[in-house]
Protein backbone atom coordinates (compact mmCIF):
# COMPACT_ATOMS: atom_id res chain seq x y z
CA MET A 1 14.15 7.61 -1.34
CA ALA A 2 11.11 5.44 -0.78
CA LYS A 3 8.88 3.83 -3.38
CA VAL A 4 5.17 4.37 -2.77
CA ALA A 5 2.21 2.74 -4.55
CA ILE A 6 -1.11 4.55 -4.70
CA THR A 7 -4.60 3.37 -5.60
CA SER A 8 -6.41 5.98 -7.66
CA THR A 9 -9.08 6.14 -10.33
CA ASP A 10 -7.89 9.48 -11.70
CA GLY A 11 -4.17 9.86 -10.88
CA VAL A 12 -4.95 12.97 -8.83
CA ASN A 13 -6.65 11.63 -5.70
CA ILE A 14 -6.26 8.57 -3.49
CA ASN A 15 -9.82 7.34 -3.92
CA GLU A 16 -9.78 3.62 -4.73
CA HIS A 17 -10.18 0.51 -2.56
CA PHE A 18 -7.14 -1.80 -2.80
CA GLY A 19 -9.34 -4.74 -3.78
CA ARG A 20 -10.93 -2.83 -6.66
CA ALA A 21 -7.75 -1.18 -7.92
CA GLY A 22 -6.97 -1.99 -11.53
CA ASP A 23 -3.76 0.02 -11.49
CA PHE A 24 -1.15 1.22 -9.04
CA TRP A 25 0.52 4.59 -9.46
CA ILE A 26 4.16 4.24 -8.40
CA TYR A 27 6.13 7.19 -7.05
CA GLU A 28 9.50 7.76 -5.48
CA VAL A 29 9.53 10.20 -2.55
CA ASN A 30 12.36 11.63 -0.46
CA ASP A 31 12.50 12.78 3.17
CA GLN A 32 11.76 16.39 2.17
CA GLY A 33 8.46 15.38 0.57
CA GLU A 34 9.69 15.82 -3.00
CA TYR A 35 8.50 13.09 -5.32
CA GLN A 36 8.44 11.91 -8.88
CA PHE A 37 6.09 9.65 -10.79
CA LEU A 38 7.79 6.44 -11.94
CA GLU A 39 5.15 4.32 -13.60
CA ARG A 40 1.62 3.03 -13.66
CA ARG A 41 1.41 -0.71 -13.00
CA GLY A 42 -1.39 -3.12 -13.41
CA GLY A 43 -3.94 -3.18 -16.13
CA LEU A 44 -5.93 -5.45 -13.84
CA GLU A 45 -9.63 -5.52 -14.44
CA SER A 46 -11.86 -5.76 -11.38
CA GLY A 47 -14.01 -8.28 -13.23
CA LEU A 48 -11.32 -10.97 -13.44
CA SER A 49 -12.60 -14.42 -12.63
CA SER A 50 -9.93 -15.00 -9.97
CA SER A 51 -10.97 -15.47 -6.37
CA PRO A 52 -10.46 -12.53 -3.99
CA GLU A 53 -7.50 -14.34 -2.41
CA GLU A 54 -5.86 -14.82 -5.81
CA LEU A 55 -6.42 -11.17 -6.71
CA HIS A 56 -4.89 -10.03 -3.41
CA SER A 57 -1.89 -12.22 -4.12
CA ILE A 58 -1.52 -10.89 -7.68
CA LYS A 59 -1.81 -7.29 -6.51
CA ALA A 60 0.63 -7.77 -3.63
CA GLU A 61 3.12 -9.25 -6.09
CA LEU A 62 2.73 -6.18 -8.32
CA VAL A 63 3.80 -3.86 -5.50
CA LYS A 64 6.25 -6.06 -3.60
CA ASP A 65 9.13 -3.66 -4.31
CA VAL A 66 7.45 -0.63 -2.68
CA GLU A 67 7.67 0.43 0.93
CA VAL A 68 4.06 1.46 1.39
CA VAL A 69 0.69 1.39 -0.36
CA LEU A 70 -1.50 4.43 0.17
CA THR A 71 -5.08 3.39 -0.44
CA ALA A 72 -8.58 4.66 0.35
CA GLN A 73 -9.58 1.31 1.89
CA ILE A 74 -8.15 -2.17 2.34
CA GLY A 75 -9.53 -5.34 3.85
CA PRO A 76 -7.69 -7.47 6.41
CA ARG A 77 -6.89 -10.33 4.00
CA ALA A 78 -5.33 -7.98 1.45
CA GLU A 79 -3.41 -6.23 4.20
CA ARG A 80 -2.02 -9.56 5.43
CA GLU A 81 -0.94 -10.39 1.88
CA LEU A 82 0.97 -7.10 1.70
CA GLN A 83 2.52 -7.80 5.11
CA ARG A 84 3.88 -11.08 3.73
CA GLN A 85 5.68 -8.98 1.12
CA GLU A 86 6.87 -6.58 3.89
CA VAL A 87 4.79 -3.77 2.40
CA LEU A 88 2.95 -1.41 4.73
CA ALA A 89 -0.64 -0.42 3.89
CA LEU A 90 -1.94 2.96 5.02
CA THR A 91 -5.51 4.11 4.46
CA VAL A 92 -5.78 7.71 3.37
CA THR A 93 -7.98 9.70 1.01
CA GLY A 94 -7.48 12.98 -0.75
CA SER A 95 -4.82 14.57 -2.88
CA ILE A 96 -1.92 12.37 -4.05
CA ASP A 97 0.29 15.46 -3.97
CA LYS A 98 -0.44 16.23 -0.31
CA ALA A 99 -0.22 12.58 0.75
CA LEU A 100 3.17 12.08 -0.89
CA GLN A 101 4.55 15.27 0.63
CA ALA A 102 3.32 14.22 4.07
CA TYR A 103 4.60 10.66 3.74
CA GLY A 104 8.00 11.89 2.60
CA LYS A 105 8.35 14.12 5.64
CA ARG A 106 6.93 11.60 8.13
CA GLY A 107 7.67 8.26 6.48
CA LYS A 108 10.74 7.50 8.57
CA PHE A 109 8.70 7.90 11.75
CA ILE A 110 5.92 5.72 10.39
CA ARG A 111 8.34 2.98 9.29
CA ASN A 112 10.22 2.94 12.60
CA ASN A 113 7.29 3.31 15.00
CA ASN A 114 7.12 0.07 16.96
CA LEU A 115 3.62 0.95 18.15
CA LEU A 116 2.25 0.86 14.62
CA ARG A 117 -0.26 -1.96 14.33
CA SER A 118 -2.29 -3.15 11.41
CA ALA A 119 -5.97 -3.96 11.42
CA ALA A 120 -4.97 -7.63 11.75
CA GLY A 121 -3.18 -6.99 15.04
CA CYS A 122 0.35 -7.49 13.75
CA SER A 123 3.15 -5.02 13.49
CA ALA A 124 3.60 -3.79 9.95
CA TYR A 125 6.51 -6.10 9.21
CA CYS A 126 5.55 -9.15 11.27
CA GLY A 127 4.39 -11.50 8.55
CA SER A 128 5.83 -14.51 10.34
CA GLY A 129 2.70 -15.23 12.34
CA SER A 130 4.84 -15.94 15.40
CA CYS A 131 3.11 -13.22 17.42
CA GLY A 132 -0.21 -15.03 17.15
CA GLY A 133 -1.96 -11.98 15.73
CA CYS A 134 -1.75 -13.01 12.08
CA SER A 135 -3.53 -16.31 12.36
């Protein structure tokens, strides 16, 4: 079973940018694509007076126990913050139901694919900066 965080404005579709997300919808999904809703985390308001870097850090901390964040969009700084927590970010839009089913069935491949690269040029679980791509 994998924990997945989703950014959504309506709880039905993946349609929110990570940086604007006030809440994260947390699900648990198995390899057959079956899933269950666990909780809604956050209560963050996009108008907080924190800097973007602080907000990325706060949000990454909120989802540090999940395997992947499915989000409509994410910037490179936020993605690097998630990488530091060893959380993979995937950009996807559309139905939460379809995305969770697909991730459940293909998640193992995605997690183990050594060719997977982030927008920052690092492998999904690099985080150390030793490859030179994170700096």
